[in-house]
Amino acid sequence: MKYYPYPCKRCGACCRHVDLIAEMKTFDRGDGICKHLAADNLCEIYAERPPLCNGEYVYKKFFADKTVEEFHEMISQLCKKIREAEA
């Protein structure tokens, strides 16, 4: 199945918790927030972002046994939990 991007709301919540992902710790500016997250919640290095920030990479590498829709539903639920934890 052809991958299509997750409809991200660009809230920045996932980028404010990079300290929770071991592979992303080098991007932590010291408070759990990605050092490349701009004030407008956009990524300053989007074109060169790490693979774990690329939905297509994550889908193909770790979730290719699921449909894109199933993967997006998982992301949606995770995103919701992160936003609720921040509230």
C-alpha atoms as a PDB file:
ATOM      1  CA  MET A   1       0.000   0.000   0.000  1.00  0.00           C
ATOM      2  CA  LYS A   2       1.212   3.466  -0.830  1.00  0.00           C
ATOM      3  CA  TYR A   3       2.013   5.607   2.169  1.00  0.00           C
ATOM      4  CA  TYR A   4       0.388   9.004   2.598  1.00  0.00           C
ATOM      5  CA  PRO A   5       1.298  11.481   5.353  1.00  0.00           C
ATOM      6  CA  TYR A   6      -0.453  11.606   8.703  1.00  0.00           C
ATOM      7  CA  PRO A   7      -2.595  14.768   8.953  1.00  0.00           C
ATOM      8  CA  CYS A   8      -0.488  16.388  11.659  1.00  0.00           C
ATOM      9  CA  LYS A   9      -2.075  19.293  13.554  1.00  0.00           C
ATOM     10  CA  ARG A  10       1.382  20.828  14.072  1.00  0.00           C
ATOM     11  CA  CYS A  11       0.766  21.379  17.774  1.00  0.00           C
ATOM     12  CA  GLY A  12       4.400  20.535  18.615  1.00  0.00           C
ATOM     13  CA  ALA A  13       3.448  18.208  21.500  1.00  0.00           C
ATOM     14  CA  CYS A  14       5.586  15.323  20.242  1.00  0.00           C
ATOM     15  CA  CYS A  15       8.534  17.691  19.803  1.00  0.00           C
ATOM     16  CA  ARG A  16       8.200  18.822  23.404  1.00  0.00           C
ATOM     17  CA  HIS A  17       8.883  15.287  24.673  1.00  0.00           C
ATOM     18  CA  VAL A  18      11.952  14.062  22.772  1.00  0.00           C
ATOM     19  CA  ASP A  19      13.531  13.167  26.117  1.00  0.00           C
ATOM     20  CA  LEU A  20      11.177  10.173  26.337  1.00  0.00           C
ATOM     21  CA  ILE A  21      12.707   8.539  23.247  1.00  0.00           C
ATOM     22  CA  ALA A  22      16.255   7.256  23.730  1.00  0.00           C
ATOM     23  CA  GLU A  23      17.159   7.719  20.050  1.00  0.00           C
ATOM     24  CA  MET A  24      16.098  11.380  20.202  1.00  0.00           C
ATOM     25  CA  LYS A  25      17.980  12.446  23.354  1.00  0.00           C
ATOM     26  CA  THR A  26      20.657  14.251  21.336  1.00  0.00           C
ATOM     27  CA  PHE A  27      17.917  16.605  20.111  1.00  0.00           C
ATOM     28  CA  ASP A  28      16.844  17.514  23.670  1.00  0.00           C
ATOM     29  CA  ARG A  29      17.762  21.102  24.483  1.00  0.00           C
ATOM     30  CA  GLY A  30      17.838  20.143  28.164  1.00  0.00           C
ATOM     31  CA  ASP A  31      14.177  20.417  29.081  1.00  0.00           C
ATOM     32  CA  GLY A  32      12.711  17.633  26.941  1.00  0.00           C
ATOM     33  CA  ILE A  33      11.976  19.967  24.046  1.00  0.00           C
ATOM     34  CA  CYS A  34      13.608  19.412  20.667  1.00  0.00           C
ATOM     35  CA  LYS A  35      16.269  22.023  20.037  1.00  0.00           C
ATOM     36  CA  HIS A  36      14.930  22.428  16.489  1.00  0.00           C
ATOM     37  CA  LEU A  37      11.334  23.266  17.456  1.00  0.00           C
ATOM     38  CA  ALA A  38      10.608  26.857  16.493  1.00  0.00           C
ATOM     39  CA  ALA A  39       8.233  29.186  18.348  1.00  0.00           C
ATOM     40  CA  ASP A  40       5.537  28.526  15.716  1.00  0.00           C
ATOM     41  CA  ASN A  41       5.701  24.756  16.483  1.00  0.00           C
ATOM     42  CA  LEU A  42       7.375  24.049  13.158  1.00  0.00           C
ATOM     43  CA  CYS A  43      10.636  22.176  12.716  1.00  0.00           C
ATOM     44  CA  GLU A  44      13.653  24.260  11.764  1.00  0.00           C
ATOM     45  CA  ILE A  45      15.315  21.238  10.115  1.00  0.00           C
ATOM     46  CA  TYR A  46      12.219  19.601   8.608  1.00  0.00           C
ATOM     47  CA  ALA A  47      13.880  18.779   5.277  1.00  0.00           C
ATOM     48  CA  GLU A  48      16.783  17.102   7.138  1.00  0.00           C
ATOM     49  CA  ARG A  49      14.849  15.814  10.180  1.00  0.00           C
ATOM     50  CA  PRO A  50      15.917  12.549  11.811  1.00  0.00           C
ATOM     51  CA  PRO A  51      14.310   9.356  10.504  1.00  0.00           C
ATOM     52  CA  LEU A  52      12.208   8.915  13.662  1.00  0.00           C
ATOM     53  CA  CYS A  53      10.499  12.227  12.879  1.00  0.00           C
ATOM     54  CA  ASN A  54       9.521  10.995   9.424  1.00  0.00           C
ATOM     55  CA  GLY A  55       6.187   9.165   9.440  1.00  0.00           C
ATOM     56  CA  GLU A  56       6.874   7.280   6.233  1.00  0.00           C
ATOM     57  CA  TYR A  57      10.188   5.977   7.576  1.00  0.00           C
ATOM     58  CA  VAL A  58       8.604   4.907  10.880  1.00  0.00           C
ATOM     59  CA  TYR A  59       5.713   3.230   9.099  1.00  0.00           C
ATOM     60  CA  LYS A  60       7.897   1.283   6.657  1.00  0.00           C
ATOM     61  CA  LYS A  61      10.545   0.363   9.253  1.00  0.00           C
ATOM     62  CA  PHE A  62       8.326  -0.616  12.189  1.00  0.00           C
ATOM     63  CA  PHE A  63       4.683  -0.922  11.118  1.00  0.00           C
ATOM     64  CA  ALA A  64       4.646  -2.193   7.523  1.00  0.00           C
ATOM     65  CA  ASP A  65       2.513  -5.137   8.672  1.00  0.00           C
ATOM     66  CA  LYS A  66      -0.350  -2.677   9.313  1.00  0.00           C
ATOM     67  CA  THR A  67      -2.350  -0.611   6.895  1.00  0.00           C
ATOM     68  CA  VAL A  68      -1.534   3.080   6.642  1.00  0.00           C
ATOM     69  CA  GLU A  69      -4.942   3.775   8.194  1.00  0.00           C
ATOM     70  CA  GLU A  70      -4.135   1.554  11.198  1.00  0.00           C
ATOM     71  CA  PHE A  71      -0.769   3.261  11.605  1.00  0.00           C
ATOM     72  CA  HIS A  72      -2.377   6.705  11.437  1.00  0.00           C
ATOM     73  CA  GLU A  73      -4.953   5.674  14.049  1.00  0.00           C
ATOM     74  CA  MET A  74      -2.108   4.577  16.354  1.00  0.00           C
ATOM     75  CA  ILE A  75      -0.376   7.926  15.825  1.00  0.00           C
ATOM     76  CA  SER A  76      -3.643   9.758  16.432  1.00  0.00           C
ATOM     77  CA  GLN A  77      -4.169   7.980  19.762  1.00  0.00           C
ATOM     78  CA  LEU A  78      -0.574   8.588  20.852  1.00  0.00           C
ATOM     79  CA  CYS A  79      -0.809  12.235  19.867  1.00  0.00           C
ATOM     80  CA  LYS A  80      -4.049  12.595  21.834  1.00  0.00           C
ATOM     81  CA  LYS A  81      -2.433  11.067  24.942  1.00  0.00           C
ATOM     82  CA  ILE A  82       0.552  13.418  24.719  1.00  0.00           C
ATOM     83  CA  ARG A  83      -1.704  16.473  24.353  1.00  0.00           C
ATOM     84  CA  GLU A  84      -3.904  15.334  27.263  1.00  0.00           C
ATOM     85  CA  ALA A  85      -0.834  14.817  29.464  1.00  0.00           C
ATOM     86  CA  GLU A  86       0.280  18.364  28.703  1.00  0.00           C
ATOM     87  CA  ALA A  87      -3.105  19.877  29.626  1.00  0.00           C
END
